């Protein structure tokens, strides 16, 4: 992993820094993550609180308690989900897709796969590096 990692929201108003990823990257397929991220799963990592800091825009954060004791923090301007946390836990849960660099490690697990969407499939689909031809 690079020495430090930075992350930011879509509009760039909020930025953060991570000194280390302390709990391996995973993908959460729970229905709450699907709704919060408008995606079939959300990629996350665990970072000890002392290894995480806001660099700018913390006053623009909005918070939503998505389940008892779990807060999701997002940009009030662009809506990017940046971080989740449970008060009292020693770590926070940044959203890996908001990192500005590659995290230096591969995901280790998928959780809540029992909530997978029936249309989610990976095999037998065409892949394109950007837009499909003719678009």
N, C-alpha and C. Protein backbone atom coordinates (compact mmCIF):
# COMPACT_ATOMS: atom_id res chain seq x y z
N UNK A 1 0.85 -1.18 0.00
CA UNK A 1 0.00 0.00 0.00
C UNK A 1 0.90 1.24 0.00
N UNK A 2 0.50 2.27 -0.73
CA UNK A 2 1.26 3.51 -0.67
C UNK A 2 1.35 4.00 0.78
N UNK A 3 2.33 4.88 1.05
CA UNK A 3 2.53 5.35 2.42
C UNK A 3 1.26 5.96 3.01
N UNK A 4 0.64 6.86 2.30
CA UNK A 4 -0.66 7.39 2.72
C UNK A 4 -1.56 7.40 1.49
N UNK A 5 -2.84 7.36 1.74
CA UNK A 5 -3.83 7.42 0.68
C UNK A 5 -4.71 8.63 0.94
N UNK A 6 -5.20 9.22 -0.13
CA UNK A 6 -6.17 10.29 -0.01
C UNK A 6 -7.44 9.88 -0.73
N UNK A 7 -8.53 10.48 -0.31
CA UNK A 7 -9.82 10.23 -0.94
C UNK A 7 -10.61 11.51 -0.98
N UNK A 8 -11.63 11.53 -1.82
CA UNK A 8 -12.45 12.73 -1.94
C UNK A 8 -13.81 12.38 -2.52
N UNK A 9 -14.70 13.35 -2.40
CA UNK A 9 -16.04 13.18 -2.97
C UNK A 9 -16.01 13.55 -4.46
N UNK A 10 -17.12 13.35 -5.13
CA UNK A 10 -17.22 13.63 -6.56
C UNK A 10 -16.91 15.09 -6.89
N UNK A 11 -17.42 16.02 -6.11
CA UNK A 11 -17.20 17.44 -6.42
C UNK A 11 -15.88 17.97 -5.89
N UNK A 12 -15.19 17.20 -5.06
CA UNK A 12 -13.89 17.59 -4.54
C UNK A 12 -13.93 18.49 -3.32
N UNK A 13 -15.10 18.80 -2.82
CA UNK A 13 -15.21 19.71 -1.68
C UNK A 13 -14.71 19.08 -0.38
N UNK A 14 -14.84 17.75 -0.26
CA UNK A 14 -14.41 17.04 0.94
C UNK A 14 -13.27 16.11 0.58
N UNK A 15 -12.24 16.09 1.42
CA UNK A 15 -11.10 15.20 1.20
C UNK A 15 -10.67 14.60 2.53
N UNK A 16 -10.08 13.41 2.47
CA UNK A 16 -9.59 12.74 3.67
C UNK A 16 -8.27 12.05 3.38
N UNK A 17 -7.61 11.62 4.45
CA UNK A 17 -6.34 10.91 4.33
C UNK A 17 -6.38 9.66 5.20
N UNK A 18 -5.76 8.59 4.69
CA UNK A 18 -5.64 7.32 5.40
C UNK A 18 -4.16 6.99 5.51
N UNK A 19 -3.72 6.66 6.71
CA UNK A 19 -2.32 6.25 6.91
C UNK A 19 -2.13 4.76 6.64
N UNK A 20 -3.16 3.96 6.87
CA UNK A 20 -3.07 2.52 6.59
C UNK A 20 -4.46 1.93 6.53
N UNK A 21 -4.59 0.90 5.72
CA UNK A 21 -5.82 0.10 5.71
C UNK A 21 -5.58 -1.02 6.72
N UNK A 22 -6.38 -1.05 7.76
CA UNK A 22 -6.16 -1.95 8.88
C UNK A 22 -7.05 -3.18 8.86
N UNK A 23 -8.15 -3.12 8.13
CA UNK A 23 -9.05 -4.26 7.95
C UNK A 23 -9.20 -4.42 6.45
N UNK A 24 -8.97 -5.63 5.92
CA UNK A 24 -8.94 -5.82 4.46
C UNK A 24 -10.18 -5.30 3.73
N UNK A 25 -9.97 -4.96 2.48
CA UNK A 25 -11.04 -4.49 1.60
C UNK A 25 -12.03 -5.63 1.36
N UNK A 26 -13.30 -5.27 1.32
CA UNK A 26 -14.35 -6.21 1.01
C UNK A 26 -15.45 -5.52 0.21
N UNK A 27 -16.38 -6.32 -0.24
CA UNK A 27 -17.55 -5.80 -0.97
C UNK A 27 -18.79 -6.20 -0.19
N UNK A 28 -19.62 -5.23 0.16
CA UNK A 28 -20.85 -5.50 0.90
C UNK A 28 -22.03 -5.45 -0.06
N UNK A 29 -22.79 -6.53 -0.08
CA UNK A 29 -23.95 -6.66 -0.98
C UNK A 29 -25.28 -6.42 -0.25
N UNK A 30 -25.25 -5.94 1.01
CA UNK A 30 -26.50 -5.80 1.76
C UNK A 30 -27.42 -4.79 1.09
N UNK A 31 -28.69 -4.92 1.34
CA UNK A 31 -29.69 -4.05 0.72
C UNK A 31 -29.46 -2.58 1.10
N UNK A 32 -29.00 -2.33 2.32
CA UNK A 32 -28.75 -0.95 2.73
C UNK A 32 -27.63 -0.33 1.90
N UNK A 33 -26.53 -1.07 1.68
CA UNK A 33 -25.45 -0.55 0.85
C UNK A 33 -25.91 -0.37 -0.60
N UNK A 34 -26.73 -1.29 -1.09
CA UNK A 34 -27.25 -1.15 -2.45
C UNK A 34 -28.02 0.16 -2.59
N UNK A 35 -28.86 0.45 -1.64
CA UNK A 35 -29.66 1.68 -1.69
C UNK A 35 -28.79 2.92 -1.48
N UNK A 36 -27.88 2.87 -0.50
CA UNK A 36 -27.05 4.04 -0.18
C UNK A 36 -26.13 4.42 -1.33
N UNK A 37 -25.65 3.42 -2.08
CA UNK A 37 -24.68 3.68 -3.14
C UNK A 37 -25.27 3.58 -4.55
N UNK A 38 -26.55 3.22 -4.63
CA UNK A 38 -27.21 3.04 -5.93
C UNK A 38 -26.40 2.08 -6.79
N UNK A 39 -25.96 0.98 -6.19
CA UNK A 39 -25.10 0.00 -6.86
C UNK A 39 -25.36 -1.38 -6.26
N UNK A 40 -25.00 -2.45 -6.97
CA UNK A 40 -25.26 -3.79 -6.45
C UNK A 40 -24.43 -4.16 -5.23
N UNK A 41 -23.30 -3.48 -5.01
CA UNK A 41 -22.52 -3.66 -3.78
C UNK A 41 -21.62 -2.45 -3.58
N UNK A 42 -21.11 -2.32 -2.35
CA UNK A 42 -20.22 -1.21 -2.01
C UNK A 42 -18.90 -1.78 -1.52
N UNK A 43 -17.80 -1.19 -1.96
CA UNK A 43 -16.47 -1.63 -1.54
C UNK A 43 -16.04 -0.79 -0.34
N UNK A 44 -15.52 -1.47 0.66
CA UNK A 44 -15.16 -0.82 1.91
C UNK A 44 -13.83 -1.36 2.43
N UNK A 45 -13.27 -0.67 3.39
CA UNK A 45 -12.09 -1.12 4.13
C UNK A 45 -12.25 -0.62 5.55
N UNK A 46 -11.46 -1.16 6.46
CA UNK A 46 -11.48 -0.69 7.84
C UNK A 46 -10.19 0.06 8.13
N UNK A 47 -10.33 1.20 8.77
CA UNK A 47 -9.19 2.03 9.12
C UNK A 47 -9.33 2.43 10.59
N UNK A 48 -8.31 2.16 11.37
CA UNK A 48 -8.34 2.57 12.77
C UNK A 48 -8.50 4.08 12.82
N UNK A 49 -9.27 4.56 13.77
CA UNK A 49 -9.58 5.99 13.85
C UNK A 49 -8.33 6.86 13.86
N UNK A 50 -7.27 6.41 14.50
CA UNK A 50 -6.05 7.22 14.56
C UNK A 50 -5.33 7.28 13.21
N UNK A 51 -5.73 6.43 12.26
CA UNK A 51 -5.12 6.41 10.92
C UNK A 51 -5.98 7.10 9.87
N UNK A 52 -7.04 7.80 10.30
CA UNK A 52 -7.95 8.49 9.40
C UNK A 52 -8.06 9.95 9.82
N UNK A 53 -8.08 10.87 8.84
CA UNK A 53 -8.32 12.28 9.14
C UNK A 53 -8.95 12.99 7.94
N UNK A 54 -9.82 13.93 8.27
CA UNK A 54 -10.40 14.78 7.24
C UNK A 54 -9.38 15.85 6.89
N UNK A 55 -9.19 16.11 5.61
CA UNK A 55 -8.27 17.15 5.15
C UNK A 55 -8.97 18.47 4.87
N UNK A 56 -10.18 18.39 4.34
CA UNK A 56 -10.95 19.61 4.07
C UNK A 56 -12.43 19.25 3.91
N UNK A 57 -13.26 20.25 4.12
CA UNK A 57 -14.68 20.12 3.84
C UNK A 57 -15.50 19.37 4.87
N UNK A 58 -14.94 19.08 6.04
CA UNK A 58 -15.68 18.31 7.04
C UNK A 58 -17.01 18.97 7.40
N UNK A 59 -17.06 20.30 7.31
CA UNK A 59 -18.31 21.01 7.62
C UNK A 59 -19.40 20.74 6.57
N UNK A 60 -19.04 20.18 5.42
CA UNK A 60 -20.01 19.86 4.37
C UNK A 60 -20.57 18.45 4.49
N UNK A 61 -20.08 17.69 5.46
CA UNK A 61 -20.58 16.33 5.65
C UNK A 61 -22.01 16.34 6.16
N UNK A 62 -22.81 15.46 5.62
CA UNK A 62 -24.12 15.16 6.17
C UNK A 62 -24.07 13.73 6.67
N UNK A 63 -24.89 13.41 7.64
CA UNK A 63 -24.86 12.09 8.25
C UNK A 63 -26.26 11.51 8.27
N UNK A 64 -26.32 10.21 8.01
CA UNK A 64 -27.58 9.48 8.05
C UNK A 64 -27.37 8.20 8.85
N UNK A 65 -28.19 7.96 9.86
CA UNK A 65 -28.12 6.72 10.63
C UNK A 65 -28.94 5.67 9.88
N UNK A 66 -28.24 4.82 9.13
CA UNK A 66 -28.92 3.86 8.24
C UNK A 66 -29.45 2.64 8.98
N UNK A 67 -28.86 2.31 10.08
CA UNK A 67 -29.36 1.26 10.97
C UNK A 67 -28.93 1.66 12.37
N UNK A 68 -29.54 1.12 13.40
CA UNK A 68 -29.22 1.58 14.75
C UNK A 68 -27.72 1.55 15.04
N UNK A 69 -27.18 2.73 15.35
CA UNK A 69 -25.78 2.86 15.69
C UNK A 69 -24.81 2.97 14.53
N UNK A 70 -25.29 2.85 13.29
CA UNK A 70 -24.40 2.95 12.13
C UNK A 70 -24.69 4.25 11.39
N UNK A 71 -23.69 5.12 11.33
CA UNK A 71 -23.81 6.40 10.63
C UNK A 71 -23.07 6.35 9.31
N UNK A 72 -23.70 6.88 8.29
CA UNK A 72 -23.09 7.02 6.97
C UNK A 72 -22.88 8.50 6.73
N UNK A 73 -21.67 8.87 6.33
CA UNK A 73 -21.32 10.27 6.10
C UNK A 73 -21.15 10.49 4.60
N UNK A 74 -21.77 11.55 4.10
CA UNK A 74 -21.73 11.83 2.67
C UNK A 74 -21.65 13.33 2.44
N UNK A 75 -21.21 13.70 1.25
CA UNK A 75 -21.08 15.11 0.88
C UNK A 75 -22.47 15.71 0.68
N UNK A 76 -22.71 16.84 1.34
CA UNK A 76 -24.02 17.50 1.21
C UNK A 76 -24.18 18.20 -0.13
N UNK A 77 -23.09 18.37 -0.88
CA UNK A 77 -23.17 19.00 -2.21
C UNK A 77 -23.42 17.97 -3.30
N UNK A 78 -22.56 16.94 -3.39
CA UNK A 78 -22.65 16.00 -4.51
C UNK A 78 -23.25 14.65 -4.13
N UNK A 79 -23.39 14.37 -2.85
CA UNK A 79 -24.02 13.13 -2.40
C UNK A 79 -23.10 11.93 -2.27
N UNK A 80 -21.81 12.09 -2.56
CA UNK A 80 -20.89 10.94 -2.47
C UNK A 80 -20.84 10.38 -1.05
N UNK A 81 -21.06 9.07 -0.95
CA UNK A 81 -20.88 8.37 0.32
C UNK A 81 -19.38 8.22 0.55
N UNK A 82 -18.87 8.69 1.67
CA UNK A 82 -17.44 8.68 1.93
C UNK A 82 -17.03 7.73 3.04
N UNK A 83 -17.85 7.60 4.07
CA UNK A 83 -17.42 6.90 5.28
C UNK A 83 -18.64 6.41 6.03
N UNK A 84 -18.48 5.25 6.65
CA UNK A 84 -19.48 4.76 7.60
C UNK A 84 -18.76 4.49 8.91
N UNK A 85 -19.49 4.53 9.99
CA UNK A 85 -18.89 4.22 11.29
C UNK A 85 -19.97 3.80 12.27
N UNK A 86 -19.53 3.02 13.22
CA UNK A 86 -20.36 2.68 14.37
C UNK A 86 -19.68 3.30 15.58
N UNK A 87 -20.39 4.18 16.25
CA UNK A 87 -19.83 4.86 17.41
C UNK A 87 -19.37 3.79 18.41
N UNK A 88 -18.20 3.98 18.94
CA UNK A 88 -17.67 3.02 19.92
C UNK A 88 -16.74 1.99 19.32
N UNK A 89 -16.78 1.80 17.99
CA UNK A 89 -15.83 0.88 17.37
C UNK A 89 -14.51 1.61 17.16
N UNK A 90 -13.39 0.89 17.21
CA UNK A 90 -12.09 1.54 17.07
C UNK A 90 -11.73 1.92 15.64
N UNK A 91 -12.57 1.53 14.68
CA UNK A 91 -12.26 1.81 13.28
C UNK A 91 -13.42 2.51 12.59
N UNK A 92 -13.09 3.15 11.46
CA UNK A 92 -14.08 3.73 10.56
C UNK A 92 -14.04 2.93 9.26
N UNK A 93 -15.03 3.15 8.41
CA UNK A 93 -15.18 2.33 7.21
C UNK A 93 -15.26 3.23 5.97
N UNK A 94 -14.11 3.64 5.44
CA UNK A 94 -14.14 4.46 4.22
C UNK A 94 -14.59 3.64 3.01
N UNK A 95 -15.19 4.33 2.07
CA UNK A 95 -15.64 3.70 0.83
C UNK A 95 -14.47 3.74 -0.16
N UNK A 96 -13.98 2.57 -0.51
CA UNK A 96 -12.74 2.42 -1.28
C UNK A 96 -12.83 3.11 -2.64
N UNK A 97 -14.00 3.15 -3.24
CA UNK A 97 -14.12 3.78 -4.56
C UNK A 97 -13.91 5.29 -4.50
N UNK A 98 -13.89 5.88 -3.31
CA UNK A 98 -13.64 7.32 -3.21
C UNK A 98 -12.15 7.63 -3.04
N UNK A 99 -11.30 6.61 -3.00
CA UNK A 99 -9.86 6.85 -2.92
C UNK A 99 -9.35 7.47 -4.22
N UNK A 100 -8.35 8.32 -4.11
CA UNK A 100 -7.75 8.97 -5.27
C UNK A 100 -6.65 8.13 -5.90
N UNK A 101 -6.17 7.11 -5.19
CA UNK A 101 -5.14 6.20 -5.69
C UNK A 101 -5.62 4.76 -5.51
N UNK A 102 -4.94 3.85 -6.16
CA UNK A 102 -5.20 2.43 -5.92
C UNK A 102 -4.79 2.11 -4.49
N UNK A 103 -5.56 1.29 -3.79
CA UNK A 103 -5.29 1.04 -2.38
C UNK A 103 -4.07 0.16 -2.10
N UNK A 104 -3.52 -0.48 -3.11
CA UNK A 104 -2.34 -1.31 -2.89
C UNK A 104 -2.65 -2.70 -2.38
N UNK A 105 -3.91 -3.09 -2.41
CA UNK A 105 -4.31 -4.44 -2.04
C UNK A 105 -5.60 -4.79 -2.76
N UNK A 106 -5.86 -6.07 -2.86
CA UNK A 106 -7.07 -6.55 -3.53
C UNK A 106 -8.14 -6.87 -2.48
N UNK A 107 -9.41 -6.80 -2.85
CA UNK A 107 -10.47 -7.18 -1.93
C UNK A 107 -10.31 -8.63 -1.48
N UNK A 108 -10.69 -8.89 -0.25
CA UNK A 108 -10.53 -10.22 0.33
C UNK A 108 -11.84 -10.98 0.51
N UNK A 109 -12.98 -10.28 0.42
CA UNK A 109 -14.24 -10.97 0.70
C UNK A 109 -15.43 -10.22 0.11
N UNK A 110 -16.52 -10.96 0.00
CA UNK A 110 -17.84 -10.42 -0.30
C UNK A 110 -18.73 -10.79 0.89
N UNK A 111 -19.49 -9.82 1.40
CA UNK A 111 -20.39 -10.11 2.51
C UNK A 111 -21.83 -9.77 2.12
N UNK A 112 -22.76 -10.36 2.83
CA UNK A 112 -24.19 -10.18 2.60
C UNK A 112 -24.59 -10.58 1.17
N UNK A 113 -23.97 -11.61 0.64
CA UNK A 113 -24.28 -12.09 -0.71
C UNK A 113 -25.70 -12.65 -0.80
N UNK A 114 -26.30 -12.95 0.34
CA UNK A 114 -27.70 -13.39 0.35
C UNK A 114 -28.63 -12.29 -0.16
N UNK A 115 -28.15 -11.06 -0.21
CA UNK A 115 -28.94 -9.93 -0.72
C UNK A 115 -28.63 -9.62 -2.18
N UNK A 116 -27.83 -10.45 -2.84
CA UNK A 116 -27.50 -10.18 -4.24
C UNK A 116 -28.76 -9.97 -5.07
N UNK A 117 -28.68 -9.05 -5.98
CA UNK A 117 -29.80 -8.77 -6.87
C UNK A 117 -29.88 -9.86 -7.93
N UNK A 118 -31.07 -10.29 -8.30
CA UNK A 118 -31.19 -11.41 -9.24
C UNK A 118 -30.59 -11.13 -10.62
N UNK A 119 -30.48 -9.87 -10.99
CA UNK A 119 -29.92 -9.53 -12.31
C UNK A 119 -28.41 -9.37 -12.27
N UNK A 120 -27.79 -9.49 -11.09
CA UNK A 120 -26.34 -9.35 -10.97
C UNK A 120 -25.65 -10.61 -11.48
N UNK A 121 -24.91 -10.47 -12.57
CA UNK A 121 -24.18 -11.60 -13.16
C UNK A 121 -22.90 -11.06 -13.77
N UNK A 122 -21.89 -11.90 -13.82
CA UNK A 122 -20.60 -11.45 -14.34
C UNK A 122 -20.19 -12.21 -15.60
N UNK A 123 -20.64 -13.40 -15.77
CA UNK A 123 -20.20 -14.21 -16.90
C UNK A 123 -21.05 -13.93 -18.15
N UNK A 124 -20.48 -14.23 -19.28
CA UNK A 124 -21.17 -14.11 -20.57
C UNK A 124 -21.69 -12.70 -20.85
N UNK A 125 -20.95 -11.70 -20.44
CA UNK A 125 -21.32 -10.33 -20.75
C UNK A 125 -20.18 -9.70 -21.53
N UNK A 126 -20.54 -8.81 -22.46
CA UNK A 126 -19.49 -8.13 -23.20
C UNK A 126 -18.82 -7.10 -22.28
N UNK A 127 -17.54 -6.88 -22.52
CA UNK A 127 -16.77 -5.91 -21.74
C UNK A 127 -16.16 -4.89 -22.70
N UNK A 128 -16.15 -3.64 -22.27
CA UNK A 128 -15.60 -2.56 -23.09
C UNK A 128 -14.73 -1.69 -22.21
N UNK A 129 -13.58 -1.26 -22.69
CA UNK A 129 -12.72 -0.40 -21.87
C UNK A 129 -13.38 0.94 -21.56
N UNK A 130 -14.24 1.40 -22.43
CA UNK A 130 -14.99 2.63 -22.17
C UNK A 130 -16.40 2.42 -22.73
N UNK A 131 -16.89 3.26 -23.64
CA UNK A 131 -18.21 3.08 -24.24
C UNK A 131 -18.17 1.93 -25.24
N UNK A 132 -19.31 1.23 -25.46
CA UNK A 132 -19.33 0.19 -26.49
C UNK A 132 -19.16 0.82 -27.87
N UNK A 133 -18.67 0.06 -28.85
CA UNK A 133 -18.50 0.59 -30.19
C UNK A 133 -19.81 1.17 -30.73
N UNK A 134 -19.71 2.27 -31.44
CA UNK A 134 -20.87 2.90 -32.05
C UNK A 134 -21.61 3.84 -31.13
N UNK A 135 -21.16 3.98 -29.93
CA UNK A 135 -21.87 4.87 -29.01
C UNK A 135 -21.22 6.21 -28.95
